[in-house]
Amino acid sequence: MTIHDISLTISPDLPTWPGDPGLELEQFESMDKGAHANVTRIGSSVHLGTHVDAPHHFLNDGRTVEGLPLEVLTGPCYVLQLPDGIDAITAEVLDRSEITSDMKRILFGTSNSHFWAKGEKEFQTDFVAITEDGAEWLVERGVQLVGVDYLSVAPYGDSVPTHRILLEAGVVVVEGLNLSQVVRGFYDLYCLPLKIAGSDGAPARAILIQK
């Protein structure tokens, strides 16, 4: 059994969505200063690094992250690695892919993963994302979970349509995956967001198990 950690390491160097608060880590108790233990405070957007979107993020409907179904967040998944020349995940691209009707959890590896492999610290606006018609394609085929390898499932500057289509259909959206070291194929996914009451999203630890 091989375990692939596809989560981003949370650090002050990690890119964040423009306008979101950056990561703040403050060690307010320090053993070096005489305390009995080291204790750190964290502050950030809930959409930090590898994270899960709840429907409430774009629908304002009260369906928050602690209610997301664990049976969707864990289970068999397929990693689809797309060639570097593809700059958007459209319905046409999906039509040409090997996705079949029995694939209910799909993670998209794209050229975005090169950003993580290179340790890119600046936010990139030209990331590969799922277009509106691509989102409709996935919903029509009954996909239950979609994961992408940058900080948004939707194109920069056009966030609403893709998010709304997926979230209204109950598709679980996982963003900020690092798939740079994962080949295409079938795996078991375990993705567990923090159980934050009333939140529109939460950071998550995501792993793939290859048997």
Protein backbone atom coordinates (compact mmCIF):
# COMPACT_ATOMS: atom_id res chain seq x y z
CA MET A 1 0.00 0.00 0.00
CA THR A 2 1.29 3.47 -0.96
CA ILE A 3 -0.01 6.67 0.60
CA HIS A 4 0.17 9.87 -1.44
CA ASP A 5 -0.24 13.08 0.54
CA ILE A 6 -1.91 15.47 -1.91
CA SER A 7 -2.36 18.29 0.61
CA LEU A 8 -0.47 21.57 0.47
CA THR A 9 1.70 22.41 3.46
CA ILE A 10 0.19 25.39 5.25
CA SER A 11 2.81 28.08 5.76
CA PRO A 12 3.14 31.87 5.40
CA ASP A 13 4.66 31.25 1.94
CA LEU A 14 1.54 29.55 0.60
CA PRO A 15 -0.34 31.66 -1.99
CA THR A 16 -3.79 32.85 -0.98
CA TRP A 17 -6.73 34.08 -3.01
CA PRO A 18 -6.38 37.83 -3.71
CA GLY A 19 -8.15 39.77 -0.97
CA ASP A 20 -8.24 36.86 1.48
CA PRO A 21 -6.33 37.32 4.73
CA GLY A 22 -2.95 35.66 4.70
CA LEU A 23 -1.91 33.04 7.21
CA GLU A 24 -1.02 34.30 10.68
CA LEU A 25 0.82 32.02 13.09
CA GLU A 26 1.66 33.43 16.51
CA GLN A 27 3.38 31.42 19.21
CA PHE A 28 1.93 33.10 22.29
CA GLU A 29 3.34 30.54 24.73
CA SER A 30 7.01 29.62 24.28
CA MET A 31 9.13 27.16 26.22
CA ASP A 32 12.18 29.19 25.19
CA LYS A 33 10.66 32.06 27.18
CA GLY A 34 9.86 29.99 30.25
CA ALA A 35 6.41 28.60 29.44
CA HIS A 36 5.55 24.98 30.23
CA ALA A 37 4.51 24.31 26.61
CA ASN A 38 4.56 25.82 23.13
CA VAL A 39 1.12 27.06 22.03
CA THR A 40 0.36 28.75 18.71
CA ARG A 41 -2.59 30.79 17.50
CA ILE A 42 -3.68 30.50 13.85
CA GLY A 43 -5.64 32.98 11.77
CA SER A 44 -6.62 32.71 8.10
CA SER A 45 -9.43 32.35 5.60
CA VAL A 46 -11.12 28.96 5.77
CA HIS A 47 -10.30 28.64 2.06
CA LEU A 48 -6.62 28.16 2.80
CA GLY A 49 -4.39 25.72 0.94
CA THR A 50 -6.08 22.38 0.38
CA HIS A 51 -9.69 23.00 1.36
CA VAL A 52 -13.30 22.02 0.77
CA ASP A 53 -16.08 24.38 -0.33
CA ALA A 54 -19.50 24.02 1.24
CA PRO A 55 -22.61 25.06 -0.75
CA HIS A 56 -22.97 28.05 1.59
CA HIS A 57 -19.83 29.52 0.01
CA PHE A 58 -21.71 30.61 -3.14
CA LEU A 59 -25.36 29.82 -2.43
CA ASN A 60 -25.84 31.44 1.03
CA ASP A 61 -28.26 28.62 1.81
CA GLY A 62 -27.15 27.38 5.22
CA ARG A 63 -25.57 24.16 3.92
CA THR A 64 -22.29 24.56 5.75
CA VAL A 65 -19.13 22.50 5.90
CA GLU A 66 -19.86 20.39 8.96
CA GLY A 67 -22.80 18.83 7.10
CA LEU A 68 -20.87 17.61 4.07
CA PRO A 69 -21.29 13.84 3.57
CA LEU A 70 -18.32 11.80 4.73
CA GLU A 71 -19.39 8.98 2.41
CA VAL A 72 -18.63 11.31 -0.52
CA LEU A 73 -15.40 12.67 0.94
CA THR A 74 -14.00 9.14 1.24
CA GLY A 75 -13.97 6.34 -1.28
CA PRO A 76 -12.74 5.27 -4.72
CA CYS A 77 -11.66 8.08 -7.02
CA TYR A 78 -10.04 8.58 -10.38
CA VAL A 79 -7.14 10.95 -11.00
CA LEU A 80 -7.32 12.37 -14.51
CA GLN A 81 -4.02 13.92 -15.60
CA LEU A 82 -4.57 16.38 -18.45
CA PRO A 83 -1.79 17.45 -20.86
CA ASP A 84 -0.03 20.75 -20.27
CA GLY A 85 -1.48 22.28 -23.41
CA ILE A 86 -5.03 22.27 -22.02
CA ASP A 87 -5.81 25.67 -20.52
CA ALA A 88 -9.42 25.01 -19.41
CA ILE A 89 -11.49 21.97 -18.46
CA THR A 90 -14.39 22.33 -20.88
CA ALA A 91 -17.15 19.96 -21.89
CA GLU A 92 -15.21 19.28 -25.09
CA VAL A 93 -12.12 18.29 -23.11
CA LEU A 94 -14.21 16.04 -20.88
CA ASP A 95 -15.87 14.42 -23.89
CA ARG A 96 -12.42 13.35 -25.07
CA SER A 97 -11.37 12.06 -21.66
CA GLU A 98 -11.58 8.54 -20.28
CA ILE A 99 -14.18 9.46 -17.66
CA THR A 100 -16.96 6.85 -17.43
CA SER A 101 -20.35 6.87 -15.73
CA ASP A 102 -19.13 4.84 -12.77
CA MET A 103 -16.48 7.41 -11.76
CA LYS A 104 -18.13 9.41 -8.97
CA ARG A 105 -15.03 11.12 -7.54
CA ILE A 106 -12.67 12.78 -10.00
CA LEU A 107 -9.47 14.71 -9.28
CA PHE A 108 -8.05 16.81 -12.11
CA GLY A 109 -4.30 17.06 -12.47
CA THR A 110 -3.24 19.85 -14.81
CA SER A 111 -0.30 22.13 -15.49
CA ASN A 112 -1.32 23.87 -12.24
CA SER A 113 0.55 21.22 -10.29
CA HIS A 114 3.81 22.60 -11.71
CA PHE A 115 3.23 25.68 -9.53
CA TRP A 116 3.35 23.51 -6.41
CA ALA A 117 6.29 21.44 -7.66
CA LYS A 118 8.29 24.65 -8.21
CA GLY A 119 7.28 26.13 -4.85
CA GLU A 120 5.64 29.14 -6.51
CA LYS A 121 4.78 31.67 -3.77
CA GLU A 122 2.84 34.22 -5.84
CA PHE A 123 -0.83 33.75 -6.71
CA GLN A 124 -1.27 32.77 -10.37
CA THR A 125 -4.28 34.09 -12.28
CA ASP A 126 -3.85 31.92 -15.39
CA PHE A 127 -4.57 28.61 -13.65
CA VAL A 128 -6.50 25.82 -15.37
CA ALA A 129 -10.09 25.55 -14.10
CA ILE A 130 -13.46 24.04 -14.94
CA THR A 131 -15.65 26.13 -17.24
CA GLU A 132 -19.41 26.51 -16.93
CA ASP A 133 -20.13 23.89 -19.57
CA GLY A 134 -17.53 21.59 -18.01
CA ALA A 135 -19.35 21.84 -14.68
CA GLU A 136 -22.68 21.02 -16.37
CA TRP A 137 -21.05 18.00 -18.04
CA LEU A 138 -19.89 16.65 -14.68
CA VAL A 139 -23.28 17.19 -13.02
CA GLU A 140 -25.13 15.49 -15.87
CA ARG A 141 -22.99 12.39 -15.39
CA GLY A 142 -23.63 12.16 -11.68
CA VAL A 143 -20.15 13.04 -10.42
CA GLN A 144 -20.31 13.53 -6.63
CA LEU A 145 -16.88 15.00 -5.85
CA VAL A 146 -14.56 17.14 -7.95
CA GLY A 147 -11.01 18.04 -6.97
CA VAL A 148 -8.69 20.54 -8.68
CA ASP A 149 -5.01 21.34 -8.33
CA TYR A 150 -5.25 25.09 -7.77
CA LEU A 151 -7.11 27.36 -5.38
CA SER A 152 -10.39 27.53 -7.28
CA VAL A 153 -12.49 25.11 -9.29
CA ALA A 154 -13.63 28.06 -11.43
CA PRO A 155 -11.65 30.36 -13.75
CA TYR A 156 -10.14 33.52 -12.28
CA GLY A 157 -12.49 36.45 -12.80
CA ASP A 158 -15.50 34.21 -13.46
CA SER A 159 -16.00 32.31 -10.20
CA VAL A 160 -19.78 32.22 -9.90
CA PRO A 161 -21.19 29.96 -12.68
CA THR A 162 -18.97 26.91 -12.14
CA HIS A 163 -19.30 27.04 -8.36
CA ARG A 164 -23.08 27.47 -8.48
CA ILE A 165 -23.64 24.62 -10.92
CA LEU A 166 -21.56 22.18 -8.88
CA LEU A 167 -22.71 23.25 -5.42
CA GLU A 168 -26.40 23.45 -6.30
CA ALA A 169 -26.17 19.85 -7.50
CA GLY A 170 -24.58 18.78 -4.22
CA VAL A 171 -21.16 18.10 -5.74
CA VAL A 172 -18.42 18.33 -3.13
CA VAL A 173 -15.68 20.69 -4.30
CA VAL A 174 -12.07 20.17 -3.18
CA GLU A 175 -9.57 22.86 -4.12
CA GLY A 176 -5.84 23.32 -3.69
CA LEU A 177 -4.70 19.75 -4.27
CA ASN A 178 -1.11 18.94 -5.16
CA LEU A 179 -1.16 16.21 -7.80
CA SER A 180 2.34 16.81 -9.13
CA GLN A 181 3.60 13.42 -7.92
CA VAL A 182 0.52 11.35 -8.74
CA VAL A 183 -0.02 9.43 -11.98
CA ARG A 184 -3.42 8.95 -13.55
CA GLY A 185 -5.45 6.03 -12.30
CA PHE A 186 -7.68 4.71 -9.55
CA TYR A 187 -7.08 5.37 -5.85
CA ASP A 188 -8.96 5.52 -2.57
CA LEU A 189 -9.48 9.12 -1.48
CA TYR A 190 -9.63 10.29 2.12
CA CYS A 191 -10.38 14.00 2.40
CA LEU A 192 -11.48 15.30 5.79
CA PRO A 193 -12.19 19.03 6.21
CA LEU A 194 -12.13 20.54 9.68
CA LYS A 195 -15.58 20.31 11.29
CA ILE A 196 -16.24 24.03 11.68
CA ALA A 197 -19.81 24.89 12.62
CA GLY A 198 -21.56 27.29 10.25
CA SER A 199 -18.58 27.71 7.91
CA ASP A 200 -18.63 28.09 4.12
CA GLY A 201 -15.50 25.96 3.84
CA ALA A 202 -12.62 24.42 5.75
CA PRO A 203 -9.00 23.38 5.29
CA ALA A 204 -8.58 19.65 4.75
CA ARG A 205 -5.97 16.92 4.80
CA ALA A 206 -6.32 14.83 1.66
CA ILE A 207 -4.55 11.58 0.87
CA LEU A 208 -4.73 8.97 -1.85
CA ILE A 209 -4.15 5.30 -1.10
CA GLN A 210 -2.84 3.07 -3.85
CA LYS A 211 -3.14 -0.64 -3.21
